Amino acid sequence: MKTPKDINGLEIIGCCCDVDMSKWEEYMDNTTKADCSIIEKHIKKYLPELYDSLGLEFYNPYRHQSYKKEGLFIYTHSAIEYFIKYY
């Protein structure tokens, strides 16, 4: 599965600090590496407040640790995983 380019919206579920280990494992189960550039474009379009608060216009050395699976992006910034539902 490639990182989806055509989506209709995003919804923040939370970050790794907000969930217990079993929920984190559920989110991370069966994920594959994601194209972080595509995720950042979606965040800029659908979640501009998150884009601004994370300063995504600047280089993020953790961005390549981002993942995806059906219906979920896991975007990594400053060693924190953000769980973002896409539809």
PDB file of N, CA and C in Angstrom:
ATOM      1  N   MET A   1       0.847  -1.181   0.000  1.00  0.00           N
ATOM      2  CA  MET A   1       0.000   0.000   0.000  1.00  0.00           C
ATOM      3  C   MET A   1       0.889   1.239   0.000  1.00  0.00           C
ATOM      4  N   LYS A   2       0.668   2.107  -0.966  1.00  0.00           N
ATOM      5  CA  LYS A   2       1.386   3.373  -1.006  1.00  0.00           C
ATOM      6  C   LYS A   2       0.680   4.377  -0.106  1.00  0.00           C
ATOM      7  N   THR A   3       1.421   5.404   0.285  1.00  0.00           N
ATOM      8  CA  THR A   3       0.826   6.472   1.081  1.00  0.00           C
ATOM      9  C   THR A   3      -0.233   7.162   0.226  1.00  0.00           C
ATOM     10  N   PRO A   4      -1.495   7.199   0.686  1.00  0.00           N
ATOM     11  CA  PRO A   4      -2.579   7.775  -0.124  1.00  0.00           C
ATOM     12  C   PRO A   4      -2.363   9.259  -0.420  1.00  0.00           C
ATOM     13  N   LYS A   5      -2.507   9.606  -1.703  1.00  0.00           N
ATOM     14  CA  LYS A   5      -2.380  11.007  -2.105  1.00  0.00           C
ATOM     15  C   LYS A   5      -3.737  11.705  -2.112  1.00  0.00           C
ATOM     16  N   ASP A   6      -4.792  10.937  -2.352  1.00  0.00           N
ATOM     17  CA  ASP A   6      -6.142  11.506  -2.426  1.00  0.00           C
ATOM     18  C   ASP A   6      -6.945  11.072  -1.209  1.00  0.00           C
ATOM     19  N   ILE A   7      -7.132  12.000  -0.304  1.00  0.00           N
ATOM     20  CA  ILE A   7      -7.955  11.748   0.876  1.00  0.00           C
ATOM     21  C   ILE A   7      -8.940  12.898   1.016  1.00  0.00           C
ATOM     22  N   ASN A   8      -9.918  12.727   1.907  1.00  0.00           N
ATOM     23  CA  ASN A   8     -10.945  13.755   2.096  1.00  0.00           C
ATOM     24  C   ASN A   8     -10.803  14.521   3.397  1.00  0.00           C
ATOM     25  N   GLY A   9      -9.938  14.066   4.285  1.00  0.00           N
ATOM     26  CA  GLY A   9      -9.758  14.779   5.540  1.00  0.00           C
ATOM     27  C   GLY A   9      -8.918  14.004   6.526  1.00  0.00           C
ATOM     28  N   LEU A  10      -8.537  14.692   7.585  1.00  0.00           N
ATOM     29  CA  LEU A  10      -7.741  14.112   8.664  1.00  0.00           C
ATOM     30  C   LEU A  10      -8.385  14.427  10.007  1.00  0.00           C
ATOM     31  N   GLU A  11      -8.131  13.560  10.960  1.00  0.00           N
ATOM     32  CA  GLU A  11      -8.607  13.766  12.333  1.00  0.00           C
ATOM     33  C   GLU A  11      -7.514  13.280  13.280  1.00  0.00           C
ATOM     34  N   ILE A  12      -7.098  14.127  14.195  1.00  0.00           N
ATOM     35  CA  ILE A  12      -6.063  13.733  15.157  1.00  0.00           C
ATOM     36  C   ILE A  12      -6.692  12.822  16.199  1.00  0.00           C
ATOM     37  N   ILE A  13      -6.101  11.652  16.385  1.00  0.00           N
ATOM     38  CA  ILE A  13      -6.530  10.736  17.431  1.00  0.00           C
ATOM     39  C   ILE A  13      -5.806  11.071  18.726  1.00  0.00           C
ATOM     40  N   GLY A  14      -4.526  11.368  18.620  1.00  0.00           N
ATOM     41  CA  GLY A  14      -3.702  11.695  19.782  1.00  0.00           C
ATOM     42  C   GLY A  14      -2.255  11.411  19.464  1.00  0.00           C
ATOM     43  N   CYS A  15      -1.446  11.375  20.499  1.00  0.00           N
ATOM     44  CA  CYS A  15      -0.038  11.051  20.303  1.00  0.00           C
ATOM     45  C   CYS A  15       0.342   9.909  21.232  1.00  0.00           C
ATOM     46  N   CYS A  16       1.572   9.448  21.115  1.00  0.00           N
ATOM     47  CA  CYS A  16       2.008   8.292  21.896  1.00  0.00           C
ATOM     48  C   CYS A  16       1.932   8.553  23.396  1.00  0.00           C
ATOM     49  N   CYS A  17       1.980   9.802  23.800  1.00  0.00           N
ATOM     50  CA  CYS A  17       1.888  10.154  25.226  1.00  0.00           C
ATOM     51  C   CYS A  17       0.463  10.004  25.764  1.00  0.00           C
ATOM     52  N   ASP A  18      -0.512   9.963  24.857  1.00  0.00           N
ATOM     53  CA  ASP A  18      -1.925   9.926  25.246  1.00  0.00           C
ATOM     54  C   ASP A  18      -2.501   8.524  25.374  1.00  0.00           C
ATOM     55  N   VAL A  19      -1.744   7.507  24.940  1.00  0.00           N
ATOM     56  CA  VAL A  19      -2.284   6.148  24.901  1.00  0.00           C
ATOM     57  C   VAL A  19      -1.425   5.200  25.726  1.00  0.00           C
ATOM     58  N   ASP A  20      -2.049   4.124  26.197  1.00  0.00           N
ATOM     59  CA  ASP A  20      -1.275   3.109  26.919  1.00  0.00           C
ATOM     60  C   ASP A  20      -0.571   2.196  25.912  1.00  0.00           C
ATOM     61  N   MET A  21       0.284   1.329  26.408  1.00  0.00           N
ATOM     62  CA  MET A  21       1.118   0.496  25.547  1.00  0.00           C
ATOM     63  C   MET A  21       0.301  -0.439  24.659  1.00  0.00           C
ATOM     64  N   SER A  22      -0.792  -0.981  25.156  1.00  0.00           N
ATOM     65  CA  SER A  22      -1.592  -1.890  24.330  1.00  0.00           C
ATOM     66  C   SER A  22      -2.237  -1.139  23.160  1.00  0.00           C
ATOM     67  N   LYS A  23      -2.685   0.090  23.389  1.00  0.00           N
ATOM     68  CA  LYS A  23      -3.273   0.892  22.311  1.00  0.00           C
ATOM     69  C   LYS A  23      -2.192   1.290  21.305  1.00  0.00           C
ATOM     70  N   TRP A  24      -1.000   1.653  21.797  1.00  0.00           N
ATOM     71  CA  TRP A  24       0.114   1.994  20.923  1.00  0.00           C
ATOM     72  C   TRP A  24       0.448   0.810  20.014  1.00  0.00           C
ATOM     73  N   GLU A  25       0.502  -0.387  20.598  1.00  0.00           N
ATOM     74  CA  GLU A  25       0.800  -1.587  19.810  1.00  0.00           C
ATOM     75  C   GLU A  25      -0.286  -1.839  18.767  1.00  0.00           C
ATOM     76  N   GLU A  26      -1.530  -1.584  19.124  1.00  0.00           N
ATOM     77  CA  GLU A  26      -2.639  -1.743  18.176  1.00  0.00           C
ATOM     78  C   GLU A  26      -2.480  -0.783  16.999  1.00  0.00           C
ATOM     79  N   TYR A  27      -2.147   0.478  17.295  1.00  0.00           N
ATOM     80  CA  TYR A  27      -1.947   1.458  16.231  1.00  0.00           C
ATOM     81  C   TYR A  27      -0.749   1.097  15.347  1.00  0.00           C
ATOM     82  N   MET A  28       0.313   0.595  15.943  1.00  0.00           N
ATOM     83  CA  MET A  28       1.544   0.313  15.206  1.00  0.00           C
ATOM     84  C   MET A  28       1.523  -1.040  14.492  1.00  0.00           C
ATOM     85  N   ASP A  29       0.615  -1.912  14.869  1.00  0.00           N
ATOM     86  CA  ASP A  29       0.544  -3.250  14.284  1.00  0.00           C
ATOM     87  C   ASP A  29       0.245  -3.182  12.783  1.00  0.00           C
ATOM     88  N   ASN A  30       1.008  -3.925  12.000  1.00  0.00           N
ATOM     89  CA  ASN A  30       0.827  -4.023  10.542  1.00  0.00           C
ATOM     90  C   ASN A  30       1.029  -2.703   9.801  1.00  0.00           C
ATOM     91  N   THR A  31       1.898  -1.848  10.308  1.00  0.00           N
ATOM     92  CA  THR A  31       2.191  -0.598   9.604  1.00  0.00           C
ATOM     93  C   THR A  31       3.367  -0.805   8.656  1.00  0.00           C
ATOM     94  N   THR A  32       3.480   0.108   7.707  1.00  0.00           N
ATOM     95  CA  THR A  32       4.614   0.150   6.801  1.00  0.00           C
ATOM     96  C   THR A  32       5.116   1.586   6.731  1.00  0.00           C
ATOM     97  N   LYS A  33       6.346   1.743   6.269  1.00  0.00           N
ATOM     98  CA  LYS A  33       6.910   3.089   6.135  1.00  0.00           C
ATOM     99  C   LYS A  33       6.024   3.938   5.242  1.00  0.00           C
ATOM    100  N   ALA A  34       5.923   5.216   5.596  1.00  0.00           N
ATOM    101  CA  ALA A  34       5.083   6.141   4.840  1.00  0.00           C
ATOM    102  C   ALA A  34       5.943   7.190   4.147  1.00  0.00           C
ATOM    103  N   ASP A  35       5.398   7.778   3.114  1.00  0.00           N
ATOM    104  CA  ASP A  35       6.036   8.916   2.453  1.00  0.00           C
ATOM    105  C   ASP A  35       5.707  10.151   3.288  1.00  0.00           C
ATOM    106  N   CYS A  36       6.681  10.608   4.053  1.00  0.00           N
ATOM    107  CA  CYS A  36       6.432  11.698   5.005  1.00  0.00           C
ATOM    108  C   CYS A  36       6.076  13.002   4.298  1.00  0.00           C
ATOM    109  N   SER A  37       6.559  13.210   3.089  1.00  0.00           N
ATOM    110  CA  SER A  37       6.220  14.434   2.354  1.00  0.00           C
ATOM    111  C   SER A  37       4.725  14.497   2.052  1.00  0.00           C
ATOM    112  N   ILE A  38       4.147  13.373   1.698  1.00  0.00           N
ATOM    113  CA  ILE A  38       2.704  13.330   1.418  1.00  0.00           C
ATOM    114  C   ILE A  38       1.915  13.594   2.699  1.00  0.00           C
ATOM    115  N   ILE A  39       2.329  12.979   3.797  1.00  0.00           N
ATOM    116  CA  ILE A  39       1.634  13.203   5.069  1.00  0.00           C
ATOM    117  C   ILE A  39       1.713  14.676   5.458  1.00  0.00           C
ATOM    118  N   GLU A  40       2.876  15.280   5.303  1.00  0.00           N
ATOM    119  CA  GLU A  40       3.023  16.703   5.653  1.00  0.00           C
ATOM    120  C   GLU A  40       2.129  17.592   4.797  1.00  0.00           C
ATOM    121  N   LYS A  41       1.975  17.269   3.521  1.00  0.00           N
ATOM    122  CA  LYS A  41       1.072  18.040   2.649  1.00  0.00           C
ATOM    123  C   LYS A  41      -0.374  17.913   3.116  1.00  0.00           C
ATOM    124  N   HIS A  42      -0.767  16.702   3.516  1.00  0.00           N
ATOM    125  CA  HIS A  42      -2.126  16.500   4.027  1.00  0.00           C
ATOM    126  C   HIS A  42      -2.330  17.270   5.334  1.00  0.00           C
ATOM    127  N   ILE A  43      -1.347  17.235   6.216  1.00  0.00           N
ATOM    128  CA  ILE A  43      -1.453  17.971   7.477  1.00  0.00           C
ATOM    129  C   ILE A  43      -1.588  19.460   7.198  1.00  0.00           C
ATOM    130  N   LYS A  44      -0.795  19.974   6.278  1.00  0.00           N
ATOM    131  CA  LYS A  44      -0.864  21.401   5.941  1.00  0.00           C
ATOM    132  C   LYS A  44      -2.254  21.776   5.437  1.00  0.00           C
ATOM    133  N   LYS A  45      -2.859  20.909   4.625  1.00  0.00           N
ATOM    134  CA  LYS A  45      -4.171  21.199   4.044  1.00  0.00           C
ATOM    135  C   LYS A  45      -5.314  21.022   5.045  1.00  0.00           C
ATOM    136  N   TYR A  46      -5.313  19.903   5.783  1.00  0.00           N
ATOM    137  CA  TYR A  46      -6.463  19.553   6.616  1.00  0.00           C
ATOM    138  C   TYR A  46      -6.305  19.887   8.103  1.00  0.00           C
ATOM    139  N   LEU A  47      -5.062  20.025   8.575  1.00  0.00           N
ATOM    140  CA  LEU A  47      -4.818  20.344   9.988  1.00  0.00           C
ATOM    141  C   LEU A  47      -3.795  21.477  10.093  1.00  0.00           C
ATOM    142  N   PRO A  48      -4.128  22.658   9.585  1.00  0.00           N
ATOM    143  CA  PRO A  48      -3.140  23.744   9.564  1.00  0.00           C
ATOM    144  C   PRO A  48      -2.649  24.152  10.954  1.00  0.00           C
ATOM    145  N   GLU A  49      -3.474  23.975  11.984  1.00  0.00           N
ATOM    146  CA  GLU A  49      -3.035  24.325  13.338  1.00  0.00           C
ATOM    147  C   GLU A  49      -1.907  23.400  13.794  1.00  0.00           C
ATOM    148  N   LEU A  50      -2.029  22.109  13.482  1.00  0.00           N
ATOM    149  CA  LEU A  50      -0.981  21.150  13.813  1.00  0.00           C
ATOM    150  C   LEU A  50       0.274  21.444  13.003  1.00  0.00           C
ATOM    151  N   TYR A  51       0.103  21.747  11.742  1.00  0.00           N
ATOM    152  CA  TYR A  51       1.231  22.085  10.870  1.00  0.00           C
ATOM    153  C   TYR A  51       2.021  23.252  11.468  1.00  0.00           C
ATOM    154  N   ASP A  52       1.311  24.288  11.880  1.00  0.00           N
ATOM    155  CA  ASP A  52       1.972  25.458  12.470  1.00  0.00           C
ATOM    156  C   ASP A  52       2.593  25.153  13.826  1.00  0.00           C
ATOM    157  N   SER A  53       1.878  24.428  14.670  1.00  0.00           N
ATOM    158  CA  SER A  53       2.392  24.166  16.018  1.00  0.00           C
ATOM    159  C   SER A  53       3.625  23.269  16.004  1.00  0.00           C
ATOM    160  N   LEU A  54       3.731  22.371  15.017  1.00  0.00           N
ATOM    161  CA  LEU A  54       4.910  21.520  14.906  1.00  0.00           C
ATOM    162  C   LEU A  54       6.024  22.179  14.096  1.00  0.00           C
ATOM    163  N   GLY A  55       5.731  23.310  13.480  1.00  0.00           N
ATOM    164  CA  GLY A  55       6.735  24.003  12.679  1.00  0.00           C
ATOM    165  C   GLY A  55       7.184  23.166  11.490  1.00  0.00           C
ATOM    166  N   LEU A  56       6.225  22.583  10.776  1.00  0.00           N
ATOM    167  CA  LEU A  56       6.568  21.662   9.696  1.00  0.00           C
ATOM    168  C   LEU A  56       7.160  22.347   8.476  1.00  0.00           C
ATOM    169  N   GLU A  57       7.221  23.674   8.483  1.00  0.00           N
ATOM    170  CA  GLU A  57       7.912  24.355   7.396  1.00  0.00           C
ATOM    171  C   GLU A  57       9.432  24.211   7.548  1.00  0.00           C
ATOM    172  N   PHE A  58       9.869  23.727   8.735  1.00  0.00           N
ATOM    173  CA  PHE A  58      11.283  23.503   9.005  1.00  0.00           C
ATOM    174  C   PHE A  58      11.598  22.011   8.960  1.00  0.00           C
ATOM    175  N   TYR A  59      12.872  21.703   8.826  1.00  0.00           N
ATOM    176  CA  TYR A  59      13.314  20.310   8.742  1.00  0.00           C
ATOM    177  C   TYR A  59      12.986  19.550  10.023  1.00  0.00           C
ATOM    178  N   ASN A  60      12.459  18.347   9.868  1.00  0.00           N
ATOM    179  CA  ASN A  60      12.132  17.460  10.980  1.00  0.00           C
ATOM    180  C   ASN A  60      12.985  16.197  10.830  1.00  0.00           C
ATOM    181  N   PRO A  61      14.018  16.016  11.655  1.00  0.00           N
ATOM    182  CA  PRO A  61      14.893  14.849  11.495  1.00  0.00           C
ATOM    183  C   PRO A  61      14.210  13.517  11.804  1.00  0.00           C
ATOM    184  N   TYR A  62      13.046  13.538  12.409  1.00  0.00           N
ATOM    185  CA  TYR A  62      12.319  12.301  12.746  1.00  0.00           C
ATOM    186  C   TYR A  62      11.284  11.915  11.690  1.00  0.00           C
ATOM    187  N   ARG A  63      11.094  12.743  10.696  1.00  0.00           N
ATOM    188  CA  ARG A  63      10.004  12.552   9.729  1.00  0.00           C
ATOM    189  C   ARG A  63      10.059  11.201   9.026  1.00  0.00           C
ATOM    190  N   HIS A  64      11.255  10.660   8.834  1.00  0.00           N
ATOM    191  CA  HIS A  64      11.385   9.385   8.125  1.00  0.00           C
ATOM    192  C   HIS A  64      11.024   8.182   8.992  1.00  0.00           C
ATOM    193  N   GLN A  65      10.621   8.438  10.220  1.00  0.00           N
ATOM    194  CA  GLN A  65      10.145   7.371  11.101  1.00  0.00           C
ATOM    195  C   GLN A  65       8.616   7.351  11.125  1.00  0.00           C
ATOM    196  N   SER A  66       8.008   7.842  10.069  1.00  0.00           N
ATOM    197  CA  SER A  66       6.556   7.888   9.962  1.00  0.00           C
ATOM    198  C   SER A  66       6.046   6.634   9.266  1.00  0.00           C
ATOM    199  N   TYR A  67       4.823   6.229   9.657  1.00  0.00           N
ATOM    200  CA  TYR A  67       4.238   4.983   9.162  1.00  0.00           C
ATOM    201  C   TYR A  67       2.809   5.205   8.716  1.00  0.00           C
ATOM    202  N   LYS A  68       2.266   4.162   8.095  1.00  0.00           N
ATOM    203  CA  LYS A  68       0.876   4.210   7.639  1.00  0.00           C
ATOM    204  C   LYS A  68       0.284   2.817   7.677  1.00  0.00           C
ATOM    205  N   LYS A  69      -1.015   2.788   7.728  1.00  0.00           N
ATOM    206  CA  LYS A  69      -1.791   1.587   7.468  1.00  0.00           C
ATOM    207  C   LYS A  69      -3.170   2.066   7.065  1.00  0.00           C
ATOM    208  N   GLU A  70      -4.005   1.160   6.678  1.00  0.00           N
ATOM    209  CA  GLU A  70      -5.327   1.537   6.185  1.00  0.00           C
ATOM    210  C   GLU A  70      -6.058   2.407   7.205  1.00  0.00           C
ATOM    211  N   GLY A  71      -6.344   3.655   6.813  1.00  0.00           N
ATOM    212  CA  GLY A  71      -7.103   4.569   7.655  1.00  0.00           C
ATOM    213  C   GLY A  71      -6.298   5.313   8.704  1.00  0.00           C
ATOM    214  N   LEU A  72      -4.973   5.102   8.762  1.00  0.00           N
ATOM    215  CA  LEU A  72      -4.176   5.719   9.835  1.00  0.00           C
ATOM    216  C   LEU A  72      -2.791   6.122   9.347  1.00  0.00           C
ATOM    217  N   PHE A  73      -2.427   7.372   9.655  1.00  0.00           N
ATOM    218  CA  PHE A  73      -1.056   7.834   9.497  1.00  0.00           C
ATOM    219  C   PHE A  73      -0.448   7.917  10.889  1.00  0.00           C
ATOM    220  N   ILE A  74       0.811   7.554  11.007  1.00  0.00           N
ATOM    221  CA  ILE A  74       1.568   7.763  12.238  1.00  0.00           C
ATOM    222  C   ILE A  74       2.721   8.669  11.855  1.00  0.00           C
ATOM    223  N   TYR A  75       2.577   9.956  12.163  1.00  0.00           N
ATOM    224  CA  TYR A  75       3.596  10.942  11.805  1.00  0.00           C
ATOM    225  C   TYR A  75       4.490  11.175  13.014  1.00  0.00           C
ATOM    226  N   THR A  76       5.809  11.073  12.814  1.00  0.00           N
ATOM    227  CA  THR A  76       6.749  11.214  13.915  1.00  0.00           C
ATOM    228  C   THR A  76       7.432  12.573  13.846  1.00  0.00           C
ATOM    229  N   HIS A  77       7.383  13.282  14.975  1.00  0.00           N
ATOM    230  CA  HIS A  77       8.018  14.591  15.102  1.00  0.00           C
ATOM    231  C   HIS A  77       8.606  14.686  16.500  1.00  0.00           C
ATOM    232  N   SER A  78       9.884  15.002  16.590  1.00  0.00           N
ATOM    233  CA  SER A  78      10.581  15.124  17.880  1.00  0.00           C
ATOM    234  C   SER A  78      10.424  13.865  18.717  1.00  0.00           C
ATOM    235  N   ALA A  79      10.532  12.714  18.066  1.00  0.00           N
ATOM    236  CA  ALA A  79      10.420  11.390  18.699  1.00  0.00           C
ATOM    237  C   ALA A  79       9.050  11.139  19.329  1.00  0.00           C
ATOM    238  N   ILE A  80       8.052  11.882  18.893  1.00  0.00           N
ATOM    239  CA  ILE A  80       6.670  11.687  19.346  1.00  0.00           C
ATOM    240  C   ILE A  80       5.844  11.253  18.138  1.00  0.00           C
ATOM    241  N   GLU A  81       5.107  10.169  18.295  1.00  0.00           N
ATOM    242  CA  GLU A  81       4.250   9.681  17.218  1.00  0.00           C
ATOM    243  C   GLU A  81       2.864  10.298  17.356  1.00  0.00           C
ATOM    244  N   TYR A  82       2.403  10.905  16.281  1.00  0.00           N
ATOM    245  CA  TYR A  82       1.060  11.470  16.221  1.00  0.00           C
ATOM    246  C   TYR A  82       0.194  10.522  15.410  1.00  0.00           C
ATOM    247  N   PHE A  83      -0.901  10.066  16.009  1.00  0.00           N
ATOM    248  CA  PHE A  83      -1.808   9.144  15.344  1.00  0.00           C
ATOM    249  C   PHE A  83      -2.916   9.978  14.685  1.00  0.00           C
ATOM    250  N   ILE A  84      -2.988   9.870  13.369  1.00  0.00           N
ATOM    251  CA  ILE A  84      -3.899  10.715  12.586  1.00  0.00           C
ATOM    252  C   ILE A  84      -4.752   9.821  11.687  1.00  0.00           C
ATOM    253  N   LYS A  85      -6.038   9.868  11.918  1.00  0.00           N
ATOM    254  CA  LYS A  85      -6.981   9.104  11.097  1.00  0.00           C
ATOM    255  C   LYS A  85      -7.206   9.852   9.791  1.00  0.00           C
ATOM    256  N   TYR A  86      -7.188   9.129   8.687  1.00  0.00           N
ATOM    257  CA  TYR A  86      -7.529   9.746   7.407  1.00  0.00           C
ATOM    258  C   TYR A  86      -8.742   9.046   6.813  1.00  0.00           C
ATOM    259  N   TYR A  87      -9.483   9.813   6.027  1.00  0.00           N
ATOM    260  CA  TYR A  87     -10.675   9.274   5.353  1.00  0.00           C
ATOM    261  C   TYR A  87     -10.835   9.913   3.994  1.00  0.00           C
TER     262      TYR A  87
END
